[in-house]
PDB file of all heavy atoms in Angstrom:
ATOM      1  N   GLY A   1     195.227  86.112  99.316  1.00  0.00           N
ATOM      2  CA  GLY A   1     196.278  85.280  99.862  1.00  0.00           C
ATOM      3  C   GLY A   1     195.715  84.533 101.055  1.00  0.00           C
ATOM      4  O   GLY A   1     194.728  83.837 100.943  1.00  0.00           O
ATOM      5  N   PHE A   2     196.300  84.742 102.207  1.00  0.00           N
ATOM      6  CA  PHE A   2     195.836  84.031 103.408  1.00  0.00           C
ATOM      7  C   PHE A   2     195.071  84.926 104.374  1.00  0.00           C
ATOM      8  O   PHE A   2     194.661  84.470 105.441  1.00  0.00           O
ATOM      9  CB  PHE A   2     197.014  83.362 104.129  1.00  0.00           C
ATOM     10  CG  PHE A   2     198.043  84.334 104.636  1.00  0.00           C
ATOM     11  CD1 PHE A   2     197.972  84.817 105.922  1.00  0.00           C
ATOM     12  CD2 PHE A   2     199.080  84.766 103.811  1.00  0.00           C
ATOM     13  CE1 PHE A   2     198.903  85.725 106.394  1.00  0.00           C
ATOM     14  CE2 PHE A   2     200.011  85.664 104.277  1.00  0.00           C
ATOM     15  CZ  PHE A   2     199.930  86.141 105.577  1.00  0.00           C
ATOM     16  N   ILE A   3     194.844  86.190 104.024  1.00  0.00           N
ATOM     17  CA  ILE A   3     194.115  87.084 104.937  1.00  0.00           C
ATOM     18  C   ILE A   3     192.873  87.644 104.263  1.00  0.00           C
ATOM     19  O   ILE A   3     192.832  87.813 103.046  1.00  0.00           O
ATOM     20  CB  ILE A   3     195.016  88.249 105.425  1.00  0.00           C
ATOM     21  CG1 ILE A   3     195.482  89.101 104.260  1.00  0.00           C
ATOM     22  CG2 ILE A   3     196.184  87.757 106.238  1.00  0.00           C
ATOM     23  CD1 ILE A   3     196.132  90.389 104.661  1.00  0.00           C
ATOM     24  N   PRO A   4     191.842  87.955 105.051  1.00  0.00           N
ATOM     25  CA  PRO A   4     190.652  88.601 104.488  1.00  0.00           C
ATOM     26  C   PRO A   4     190.967  90.025 104.036  1.00  0.00           C
ATOM     27  O   PRO A   4     191.824  90.699 104.612  1.00  0.00           O
ATOM     28  CB  PRO A   4     189.665  88.611 105.659  1.00  0.00           C
ATOM     29  CG  PRO A   4     190.202  87.657 106.651  1.00  0.00           C
ATOM     30  CD  PRO A   4     191.689  87.615 106.462  1.00  0.00           C
ATOM     31  N   HIS A   5     190.281  90.469 103.016  1.00  0.00           N
ATOM     32  CA  HIS A   5     190.449  91.813 102.462  1.00  0.00           C
ATOM     33  C   HIS A   5     189.055  92.318 102.110  1.00  0.00           C
ATOM     34  O   HIS A   5     188.350  91.699 101.318  1.00  0.00           O
ATOM     35  CB  HIS A   5     191.337  91.753 101.213  1.00  0.00           C
ATOM     36  CG  HIS A   5     191.605  93.070 100.584  1.00  0.00           C
ATOM     37  ND1 HIS A   5     192.556  93.938 101.075  1.00  0.00           N
ATOM     38  CD2 HIS A   5     191.068  93.681  99.511  1.00  0.00           C
ATOM     39  CE1 HIS A   5     192.583  95.023 100.321  1.00  0.00           C
ATOM     40  NE2 HIS A   5     191.685  94.883  99.360  1.00  0.00           N
ATOM     41  N   ALA A   6     188.638  93.421 102.714  1.00  0.00           N
ATOM     42  CA  ALA A   6     187.293  93.959 102.495  1.00  0.00           C
ATOM     43  C   ALA A   6     187.378  95.364 101.901  1.00  0.00           C
ATOM     44  O   ALA A   6     188.229  96.148 102.303  1.00  0.00           O
ATOM     45  CB  ALA A   6     186.527  93.978 103.810  1.00  0.00           C
ATOM     46  N   ILE A   7     186.457  95.646 100.976  1.00  0.00           N
ATOM     47  CA  ILE A   7     186.416  96.958 100.324  1.00  0.00           C
ATOM     48  C   ILE A   7     184.984  97.384 100.070  1.00  0.00           C
ATOM     49  O   ILE A   7     184.073  96.561 100.113  1.00  0.00           O
ATOM     50  CB  ILE A   7     187.191  96.950  98.987  1.00  0.00           C
ATOM     51  CG1 ILE A   7     186.640  95.863  98.072  1.00  0.00           C
ATOM     52  CG2 ILE A   7     188.676  96.789  99.182  1.00  0.00           C
ATOM     53  CD1 ILE A   7     187.124  95.938  96.653  1.00  0.00           C
ATOM     54  N   ASN A   8     184.819  98.658  99.791  1.00  0.00           N
ATOM     55  CA  ASN A   8     183.531  99.213  99.361  1.00  0.00           C
ATOM     56  C   ASN A   8     183.493  99.189  97.829  1.00  0.00           C
ATOM     57  O   ASN A   8     184.476  99.561  97.181  1.00  0.00           O
ATOM     58  CB  ASN A   8     183.394 100.676  99.812  1.00  0.00           C
ATOM     59  CG  ASN A   8     183.256 100.802 101.302  1.00  0.00           C
ATOM     60  OD1 ASN A   8     182.594 100.009 101.939  1.00  0.00           O
ATOM     61  ND2 ASN A   8     183.894 101.809 101.868  1.00  0.00           N
ATOM     62  N   LEU A   9     182.365  98.773  97.291  1.00  0.00           N
ATOM     63  CA  LEU A   9     182.216  98.711  95.833  1.00  0.00           C
ATOM     64  C   LEU A   9     180.779  99.064  95.446  1.00  0.00           C
ATOM     65  O   LEU A   9     179.857  98.882  96.230  1.00  0.00           O
ATOM     66  CB  LEU A   9     182.464  97.296  95.326  1.00  0.00           C
ATOM     67  CG  LEU A   9     183.888  96.819  95.156  1.00  0.00           C
ATOM     68  CD1 LEU A   9     183.894  95.364  94.737  1.00  0.00           C
ATOM     69  CD2 LEU A   9     184.636  97.643  94.142  1.00  0.00           C
ATOM     70  N   ASN A  10     180.645  99.498  94.177  1.00  0.00           N
ATOM     71  CA  ASN A  10     179.307  99.594  93.608  1.00  0.00           C
ATOM     72  C   ASN A  10     178.763  98.190  93.446  1.00  0.00           C
ATOM     73  O   ASN A  10     179.470  97.296  92.989  1.00  0.00           O
ATOM     74  CB  ASN A  10     179.368 100.212  92.207  1.00  0.00           C
ATOM     75  CG  ASN A  10     179.365 101.712  92.235  1.00  0.00           C
ATOM     76  OD1 ASN A  10     178.787 102.302  93.122  1.00  0.00           O
ATOM     77  ND2 ASN A  10     180.001 102.305  91.247  1.00  0.00           N
ATOM     78  N   CYS A  11     177.550  98.009  93.841  1.00  0.00           N
ATOM     79  CA  CYS A  11     176.859  96.752  93.567  1.00  0.00           C
ATOM     80  C   CYS A  11     175.510  97.139  92.980  1.00  0.00           C
ATOM     81  O   CYS A  11     174.979  98.210  93.262  1.00  0.00           O
ATOM     82  CB  CYS A  11     176.684  95.928  94.841  1.00  0.00           C
ATOM     83  SG  CYS A  11     175.681  96.737  96.083  1.00  0.00           S
ATOM     84  N   MET A  12     175.022  96.290  92.111  1.00  0.00           N
ATOM     85  CA  MET A  12     173.741  96.611  91.472  1.00  0.00           C
ATOM     86  C   MET A  12     173.043  95.334  91.081  1.00  0.00           C
ATOM     87  O   MET A  12     173.684  94.308  90.850  1.00  0.00           O
ATOM     88  CB  MET A  12     173.945  97.508  90.252  1.00  0.00           C
ATOM     89  CG  MET A  12     174.893  96.981  89.215  1.00  0.00           C
ATOM     90  SD  MET A  12     176.573  97.423  89.662  1.00  0.00           S
ATOM     91  CE  MET A  12     177.477  96.689  88.325  1.00  0.00           C
ATOM     92  N   ALA A  13     171.735  95.422  91.061  1.00  0.00           N
ATOM     93  CA  ALA A  13     170.923  94.276  90.654  1.00  0.00           C
ATOM     94  C   ALA A  13     170.165  94.625  89.390  1.00  0.00           C
ATOM     95  O   ALA A  13     169.704  95.758  89.216  1.00  0.00           O
ATOM     96  CB  ALA A  13     169.946  93.904  91.765  1.00  0.00           C
ATOM     97  N   THR A  14     170.027  93.643  88.543  1.00  0.00           N
ATOM     98  CA  THR A  14     169.232  93.809  87.323  1.00  0.00           C
ATOM     99  C   THR A  14     167.756  93.710  87.705  1.00  0.00           C
ATOM    100  O   THR A  14     167.425  93.284  88.819  1.00  0.00           O
ATOM    101  CB  THR A  14     169.567  92.686  86.312  1.00  0.00           C
ATOM    102  OG1 THR A  14     169.186  91.428  86.899  1.00  0.00           O
ATOM    103  CG2 THR A  14     171.038  92.685  85.952  1.00  0.00           C
ATOM    104  N   PRO A  15     166.855  94.073  86.812  1.00  0.00           N
ATOM    105  CA  PRO A  15     165.429  93.915  87.105  1.00  0.00           C
ATOM    106  C   PRO A  15     165.045  92.469  87.432  1.00  0.00           C
ATOM    107  O   PRO A  15     164.087  92.217  88.146  1.00  0.00           O
ATOM    108  CB  PRO A  15     164.738  94.396  85.820  1.00  0.00           C
ATOM    109  CG  PRO A  15     165.701  95.347  85.208  1.00  0.00           C
ATOM    110  CD  PRO A  15     167.078  94.793  85.536  1.00  0.00           C
ATOM    111  N   GLU A  16     165.831  91.512  86.957  1.00  0.00           N
ATOM    112  CA  GLU A  16     165.569  90.095  87.247  1.00  0.00           C
ATOM    113  C   GLU A  16     166.143  89.662  88.595  1.00  0.00           C
ATOM    114  O   GLU A  16     165.955  88.521  89.004  1.00  0.00           O
ATOM    115  CB  GLU A  16     166.173  89.209  86.150  1.00  0.00           C
ATOM    116  CG  GLU A  16     165.585  89.428  84.771  1.00  0.00           C
ATOM    117  CD  GLU A  16     166.119  90.694  84.085  1.00  0.00           C
ATOM    118  OE1 GLU A  16     167.264  91.113  84.346  1.00  0.00           O
ATOM    119  OE2 GLU A  16     165.358  91.280  83.300  1.00  0.00           O
ATOM    120  N   GLY A  17     166.843  90.575  89.278  1.00  0.00           N
ATOM    121  CA  GLY A  17     167.389  90.265  90.599  1.00  0.00           C
ATOM    122  C   GLY A  17     168.792  89.699  90.606  1.00  0.00           C
ATOM    123  O   GLY A  17     169.291  89.261  91.643  1.00  0.00           O
ATOM    124  N   GLU A  18     169.496  89.723  89.458  1.00  0.00           N
ATOM    125  CA  GLU A  18     170.885  89.270  89.407  1.00  0.00           C
ATOM    126  C   GLU A  18     171.768  90.309  90.088  1.00  0.00           C
ATOM    127  O   GLU A  18     171.554  91.508  89.942  1.00  0.00           O
ATOM    128  CB  GLU A  18     171.363  89.130  87.969  1.00  0.00           C
ATOM    129  CG  GLU A  18     170.640  88.114  87.135  1.00  0.00           C
ATOM    130  CD  GLU A  18     171.094  88.213  85.682  1.00  0.00           C
ATOM    131  OE1 GLU A  18     170.702  89.202  85.012  1.00  0.00           O
ATOM    132  OE2 GLU A  18     171.833  87.335  85.255  1.00  0.00           O
ATOM    133  N   LEU A  19     172.805  89.858  90.802  1.00  0.00           N
ATOM    134  CA  LEU A  19     173.688  90.749  91.548  1.00  0.00           C
ATOM    135  C   LEU A  19     175.050  90.856  90.874  1.00  0.00           C
ATOM    136  O   LEU A  19     175.649  89.841  90.514  1.00  0.00           O
ATOM    137  CB  LEU A  19     173.866  90.237  92.975  1.00  0.00           C
ATOM    138  CG  LEU A  19     174.847  90.988  93.883  1.00  0.00           C
ATOM    139  CD1 LEU A  19     174.436  92.445  94.068  1.00  0.00           C
ATOM    140  CD2 LEU A  19     174.960  90.274  95.218  1.00  0.00           C
ATOM    141  N   PHE A  20     175.514  92.107  90.716  1.00  0.00           N
ATOM    142  CA  PHE A  20     176.809  92.373  90.098  1.00  0.00           C
ATOM    143  C   PHE A  20     177.598  93.387  90.924  1.00  0.00           C
ATOM    144  O   PHE A  20     177.009  94.239  91.599  1.00  0.00           O
ATOM    145  CB  PHE A  20     176.634  92.929  88.682  1.00  0.00           C
ATOM    146  CG  PHE A  20     176.008  91.959  87.722  1.00  0.00           C
ATOM    147  CD1 PHE A  20     174.648  91.951  87.521  1.00  0.00           C
ATOM    148  CD2 PHE A  20     176.802  91.045  87.033  1.00  0.00           C
ATOM    149  CE1 PHE A  20     174.062  91.052  86.632  1.00  0.00           C
ATOM    150  CE2 PHE A  20     176.226  90.142  86.160  1.00  0.00           C
ATOM    151  CZ  PHE A  20     174.852  90.136  85.949  1.00  0.00           C
ATOM    152  N   LEU A  21     178.910  93.296  90.827  1.00  0.00           N
ATOM    153  CA  LEU A  21     179.827  94.306  91.373  1.00  0.00           C
ATOM    154  C   LEU A  21     180.425  95.053  90.203  1.00  0.00           C
ATOM    155  O   LEU A  21     180.691  94.480  89.149  1.00  0.00           O
ATOM    156  CB  LEU A  21     180.952  93.650  92.169  1.00  0.00           C
ATOM    157  CG  LEU A  21     180.582  92.887  93.413  1.00  0.00           C
ATOM    158  CD1 LEU A  21     181.829  92.246  94.016  1.00  0.00           C
ATOM    159  CD2 LEU A  21     179.907  93.792  94.430  1.00  0.00           C
ATOM    160  N   SER A  22     180.667  96.334  90.411  1.00  0.00           N
ATOM    161  CA  SER A  22     181.257  97.190  89.397  1.00  0.00           C
ATOM    162  C   SER A  22     182.723  97.419  89.712  1.00  0.00           C
ATOM    163  O   SER A  22     183.085  97.631  90.858  1.00  0.00           O
ATOM    164  CB  SER A  22     180.512  98.523  89.392  1.00  0.00           C
ATOM    165  OG  SER A  22     181.052  99.389  88.445  1.00  0.00           O
ATOM    166  N   CYS A  23     183.566  97.397  88.678  1.00  0.00           N
ATOM    167  CA  CYS A  23     184.997  97.598  88.902  1.00  0.00           C
ATOM    168  C   CYS A  23     185.607  98.359  87.743  1.00  0.00           C
ATOM    169  O   CYS A  23     185.859  97.795  86.666  1.00  0.00           O
ATOM    170  CB  CYS A  23     185.683  96.242  89.092  1.00  0.00           C
ATOM    171  SG  CYS A  23     187.396  96.388  89.611  1.00  0.00           S
ATOM    172  N   SER A  24     185.865  99.638  87.956  1.00  0.00           N
ATOM    173  CA  SER A  24     186.539 100.460  86.959  1.00  0.00           C
ATOM    174  C   SER A  24     188.043 100.379  87.209  1.00  0.00           C
ATOM    175  O   SER A  24     188.486 100.296  88.345  1.00  0.00           O
ATOM    176  CB  SER A  24     186.090 101.915  87.076  1.00  0.00           C
ATOM    177  OG  SER A  24     184.711 102.006  86.811  1.00  0.00           O
ATOM    178  N   ALA A  25     188.826 100.396  86.143  1.00  0.00           N
ATOM    179  CA  ALA A  25     190.290 100.280  86.233  1.00  0.00           C
ATOM    180  C   ALA A  25     190.681  99.047  87.069  1.00  0.00           C
ATOM    181  O   ALA A  25     191.604  99.083  87.864  1.00  0.00           O
ATOM    182  CB  ALA A  25     190.904 101.556  86.798  1.00  0.00           C
ATOM    183  N   CYS A  26     189.960  97.998  86.882  1.00  0.00           N
ATOM    184  CA  CYS A  26     190.093  96.800  87.715  1.00  0.00           C
ATOM    185  C   CYS A  26     191.456  96.115  87.662  1.00  0.00           C
ATOM    186  O   CYS A  26     191.935  95.629  88.680  1.00  0.00           O
ATOM    187  CB  CYS A  26     188.976  95.817  87.373  1.00  0.00           C
ATOM    188  SG  CYS A  26     188.379  94.899  88.787  1.00  0.00           S
ATOM    189  N   PRO A  27     192.126  96.072  86.506  1.00  0.00           N
ATOM    190  CA  PRO A  27     193.416  95.389  86.500  1.00  0.00           C
ATOM    191  C   PRO A  27     194.441  95.986  87.479  1.00  0.00           C
ATOM    192  O   PRO A  27     195.331  95.299  87.932  1.00  0.00           O
ATOM    193  CB  PRO A  27     193.902  95.532  85.061  1.00  0.00           C
ATOM    194  CG  PRO A  27     192.672  95.723  84.263  1.00  0.00           C
ATOM    195  CD  PRO A  27     191.732  96.481  85.165  1.00  0.00           C
ATOM    196  N   SER A  28     194.272  97.254  87.815  1.00  0.00           N
ATOM    197  CA  SER A  28     195.228  97.902  88.722  1.00  0.00           C
ATOM    198  C   SER A  28     194.835  97.774  90.192  1.00  0.00           C
ATOM    199  O   SER A  28     195.552  98.250  91.058  1.00  0.00           O
ATOM    200  CB  SER A  28     195.341  99.389  88.369  1.00  0.00           C
ATOM    201  OG  SER A  28     194.108 100.033  88.626  1.00  0.00           O
ATOM    202  N   LYS A  29     193.742  97.129  90.482  1.00  0.00           N
ATOM    203  CA  LYS A  29     193.259  97.037  91.860  1.00  0.00           C
ATOM    204  C   LYS A  29     193.723  95.730  92.514  1.00  0.00           C
ATOM    205  O   LYS A  29     193.720  94.672  91.899  1.00  0.00           O
ATOM    206  CB  LYS A  29     191.747  97.171  91.910  1.00  0.00           C
ATOM    207  CG  LYS A  29     191.349  98.561  91.434  1.00  0.00           C
ATOM    208  CD  LYS A  29     189.919  98.856  91.638  1.00  0.00           C
ATOM    209  CE  LYS A  29     189.681 100.305  91.210  1.00  0.00           C
ATOM    210  NZ  LYS A  29     188.313 100.597  91.005  1.00  0.00           N
ATOM    211  N   TYR A  30     194.123  95.845  93.756  1.00  0.00           N
ATOM    212  CA  TYR A  30     194.664  94.715  94.507  1.00  0.00           C
ATOM    213  C   TYR A  30     193.668  93.573  94.625  1.00  0.00           C
ATOM    214  O   TYR A  30     194.000  92.417  94.379  1.00  0.00           O
ATOM    215  CB  TYR A  30     195.074  95.216  95.902  1.00  0.00           C
ATOM    216  CG  TYR A  30     195.560  94.127  96.817  1.00  0.00           C
ATOM    217  CD1 TYR A  30     196.837  93.610  96.683  1.00  0.00           C
ATOM    218  CD2 TYR A  30     194.739  93.615  97.822  1.00  0.00           C
ATOM    219  CE1 TYR A  30     197.295  92.615  97.518  1.00  0.00           C
ATOM    220  CE2 TYR A  30     195.190  92.616  98.658  1.00  0.00           C
ATOM    221  CZ  TYR A  30     196.482  92.116  98.504  1.00  0.00           C
ATOM    222  OH  TYR A  30     196.911  91.125  99.324  1.00  0.00           O
ATOM    223  N   TRP A  31     192.448  93.879  94.994  1.00  0.00           N
ATOM    224  CA  TRP A  31     191.478  92.827  95.308  1.00  0.00           C
ATOM    225  C   TRP A  31     191.122  91.986  94.096  1.00  0.00           C
ATOM    226  O   TRP A  31     190.946  90.778  94.193  1.00  0.00           O
ATOM    227  CB  TRP A  31     190.218  93.420  95.943  1.00  0.00           C
ATOM    228  CG  TRP A  31     189.333  94.144  94.976  1.00  0.00           C
ATOM    229  CD1 TRP A  31     189.418  95.457  94.617  1.00  0.00           C
ATOM    230  CD2 TRP A  31     188.243  93.593  94.237  1.00  0.00           C
ATOM    231  NE1 TRP A  31     188.447  95.755  93.701  1.00  0.00           N
ATOM    232  CE2 TRP A  31     187.712  94.631  93.454  1.00  0.00           C
ATOM    233  CE3 TRP A  31     187.667  92.326  94.160  1.00  0.00           C
ATOM    234  CZ2 TRP A  31     186.640  94.452  92.596  1.00  0.00           C
ATOM    235  CZ3 TRP A  31     186.601  92.135  93.310  1.00  0.00           C
ATOM    236  CH2 TRP A  31     186.090  93.198  92.537  1.00  0.00           C
ATOM    237  N   SER A  32     190.984  92.632  92.927  1.00  0.00           N
ATOM    238  CA  SER A  32     190.484  91.906  91.753  1.00  0.00           C
ATOM    239  C   SER A  32     191.438  90.814  91.283  1.00  0.00           C
ATOM    240  O   SER A  32     191.001  89.810  90.725  1.00  0.00           O
ATOM    241  CB  SER A  32     190.180  92.871  90.616  1.00  0.00           C
ATOM    242  OG  SER A  32     191.374  93.540  90.213  1.00  0.00           O
ATOM    243  N   SER A  33     192.719  90.992  91.527  1.00  0.00           N
ATOM    244  CA  SER A  33     193.678  89.961  91.109  1.00  0.00           C
ATOM    245  C   SER A  33     193.596  88.710  91.983  1.00  0.00           C
ATOM    246  O   SER A  33     194.164  87.681  91.644  1.00  0.00           O
ATOM    247  CB  SER A  33     195.107  90.523  91.147  1.00  0.00           C
ATOM    248  OG  SER A  33     195.483  90.834  92.474  1.00  0.00           O
ATOM    249  N   HIS A  34     192.888  88.794  93.098  1.00  0.00           N
ATOM    250  CA  HIS A  34     192.725  87.646  93.989  1.00  0.00           C
ATOM    251  C   HIS A  34     191.389  86.934  93.827  1.00  0.00           C
ATOM    252  O   HIS A  34     191.076  86.030  94.585  1.00  0.00           O
ATOM    253  CB  HIS A  34     192.908  88.099  95.452  1.00  0.00           C
ATOM    254  CG  HIS A  34     194.324  88.471  95.760  1.00  0.00           C
ATOM    255  ND1 HIS A  34     194.816  89.736  95.546  1.00  0.00           N
ATOM    256  CD2 HIS A  34     195.344  87.733  96.225  1.00  0.00           C
ATOM    257  CE1 HIS A  34     196.079  89.764  95.898  1.00  0.00           C
ATOM    258  NE2 HIS A  34     196.427  88.567  96.308  1.00  0.00           N
ATOM    259  N   VAL A  35     190.601  87.351  92.851  1.00  0.00           N
ATOM    260  CA  VAL A  35     189.320  86.709  92.617  1.00  0.00           C
ATOM    261  C   VAL A  35     189.458  85.705  91.487  1.00  0.00           C
ATOM    262  O   VAL A  35     189.680  86.078  90.337  1.00  0.00           O
ATOM    263  CB  VAL A  35     188.206  87.740  92.277  1.00  0.00           C
ATOM    264  CG1 VAL A  35     186.900  87.039  91.946  1.00  0.00           C
ATOM    265  CG2 VAL A  35     188.031  88.702  93.428  1.00  0.00           C
ATOM    266  N   GLY A  36     189.356  84.434  91.847  1.00  0.00           N
ATOM    267  CA  GLY A  36     189.402  83.378  90.847  1.00  0.00           C
ATOM    268  C   GLY A  36     188.002  82.907  90.530  1.00  0.00           C
ATOM    269  O   GLY A  36     187.013  83.421  91.065  1.00  0.00           O
ATOM    270  N   PRO A  37     187.878  81.902  89.686  1.00  0.00           N
ATOM    271  CA  PRO A  37     186.545  81.342  89.397  1.00  0.00           C
ATOM    272  C   PRO A  37     185.930  80.755  90.670  1.00  0.00           C
ATOM    273  O   PRO A  37     186.628  80.158  91.484  1.00  0.00           O
ATOM    274  CB  PRO A  37     186.835  80.241  88.374  1.00  0.00           C
ATOM    275  CG  PRO A  37     188.213  80.477  87.886  1.00  0.00           C
ATOM    276  CD  PRO A  37     188.930  81.256  88.937  1.00  0.00           C
ATOM    277  N   GLU A  38     184.643  80.973  90.822  1.00  0.00           N
ATOM    278  CA  GLU A  38     183.906  80.437  91.981  1.00  0.00           C
ATOM    279  C   GLU A  38     184.539  80.872  93.300  1.00  0.00           C
ATOM    280  O   GLU A  38     184.660  80.091  94.253  1.00  0.00           O
ATOM    281  CB  GLU A  38     183.800  78.912  91.918  1.00  0.00           C
ATOM    282  CG  GLU A  38     183.021  78.395  90.729  1.00  0.00           C
ATOM    283  CD  GLU A  38     181.541  78.769  90.789  1.00  0.00           C
ATOM    284  OE1 GLU A  38     180.892  78.450  91.799  1.00  0.00           O
ATOM    285  OE2 GLU A  38     181.049  79.380  89.825  1.00  0.00           O
ATOM    286  N   GLU A  39     184.951  82.132  93.363  1.00  0.00           N
ATOM    287  CA  GLU A  39     185.630  82.677  94.556  1.00  0.00           C
ATOM    288  C   GLU A  39     184.634  82.882  95.694  1.00  0.00           C
ATOM    289  O   GLU A  39     183.652  83.602  95.544  1.00  0.00           O
ATOM    290  CB  GLU A  39     186.275  84.012  94.197  1.00  0.00           C
ATOM    291  CG  GLU A  39     187.085  84.626  95.311  1.00  0.00           C
ATOM    292  CD  GLU A  39     188.373  83.880  95.567  1.00  0.00           C
ATOM    293  OE1 GLU A  39     188.954  83.299  94.630  1.00  0.00           O
ATOM    294  OE2 GLU A  39     188.808  83.885  96.731  1.00  0.00           O
ATOM    295  N   PRO A  40     184.884  82.267  96.850  1.00  0.00           N
ATOM    296  CA  PRO A  40     183.999  82.516  97.983  1.00  0.00           C
ATOM    297  C   PRO A  40     184.251  83.912  98.551  1.00  0.00           C
ATOM    298  O   PRO A  40     185.371  84.426  98.511  1.00  0.00           O
ATOM    299  CB  PRO A  40     184.394  81.433  98.997  1.00  0.00           C
ATOM    300  CG  PRO A  40     185.769  81.019  98.608  1.00  0.00           C
ATOM    301  CD  PRO A  40     185.919  81.293  97.135  1.00  0.00           C
ATOM    302  N   GLY A  41     183.206  84.521  99.045  1.00  0.00           N
ATOM    303  CA  GLY A  41     183.330  85.848  99.629  1.00  0.00           C
ATOM    304  C   GLY A  41     182.169  86.113 100.568  1.00  0.00           C
ATOM    305  O   GLY A  41     181.327  85.251 100.830  1.00  0.00           O
ATOM    306  N   ARG A  42     182.154  87.333 101.078  1.00  0.00           N
ATOM    307  CA  ARG A  42     181.076  87.789 101.961  1.00  0.00           C
ATOM    308  C   ARG A  42     180.678  89.184 101.508  1.00  0.00           C
ATOM    309  O   ARG A  42     181.521  90.005 101.204  1.00  0.00           O
ATOM    310  CB  ARG A  42     181.554  87.815 103.422  1.00  0.00           C
ATOM    311  CG  ARG A  42     181.811  86.428 103.973  1.00  0.00           C
ATOM    312  CD  ARG A  42     182.665  86.437 105.227  1.00  0.00           C
ATOM    313  NE  ARG A  42     182.197  87.260 106.311  1.00  0.00           N
ATOM    314  CZ  ARG A  42     181.514  86.818 107.372  1.00  0.00           C
ATOM    315  NH1 ARG A  42     181.233  85.541 107.482  1.00  0.00           N
ATOM    316  NH2 ARG A  42     181.155  87.642 108.332  1.00  0.00           N
ATOM    317  N   LEU A  43     179.396  89.427 101.489  1.00  0.00           N
ATOM    318  CA  LEU A  43     178.839  90.724 101.111  1.00  0.00           C
ATOM    319  C   LEU A  43     178.113  91.283 102.331  1.00  0.00           C
ATOM    320  O   LEU A  43     177.334  90.571 102.960  1.00  0.00           O
ATOM    321  CB  LEU A  43     177.856  90.541  99.947  1.00  0.00           C
ATOM    322  CG  LEU A  43     177.114  91.773  99.470  1.00  0.00           C
ATOM    323  CD1 LEU A  43     178.032  92.585  98.581  1.00  0.00           C
ATOM    324  CD2 LEU A  43     175.874  91.357  98.701  1.00  0.00           C
TER     325      LEU A  43
END
């Protein structure tokens, strides 16, 4: 919405160096419903 929201998550990189976040049971989580395409964030 209009406020920052920060959480702890699994993050992992592939051998090629690609970065991913892991999200189990994601549809029920608050943060994931606020991530649209090309969503800006901070890690």
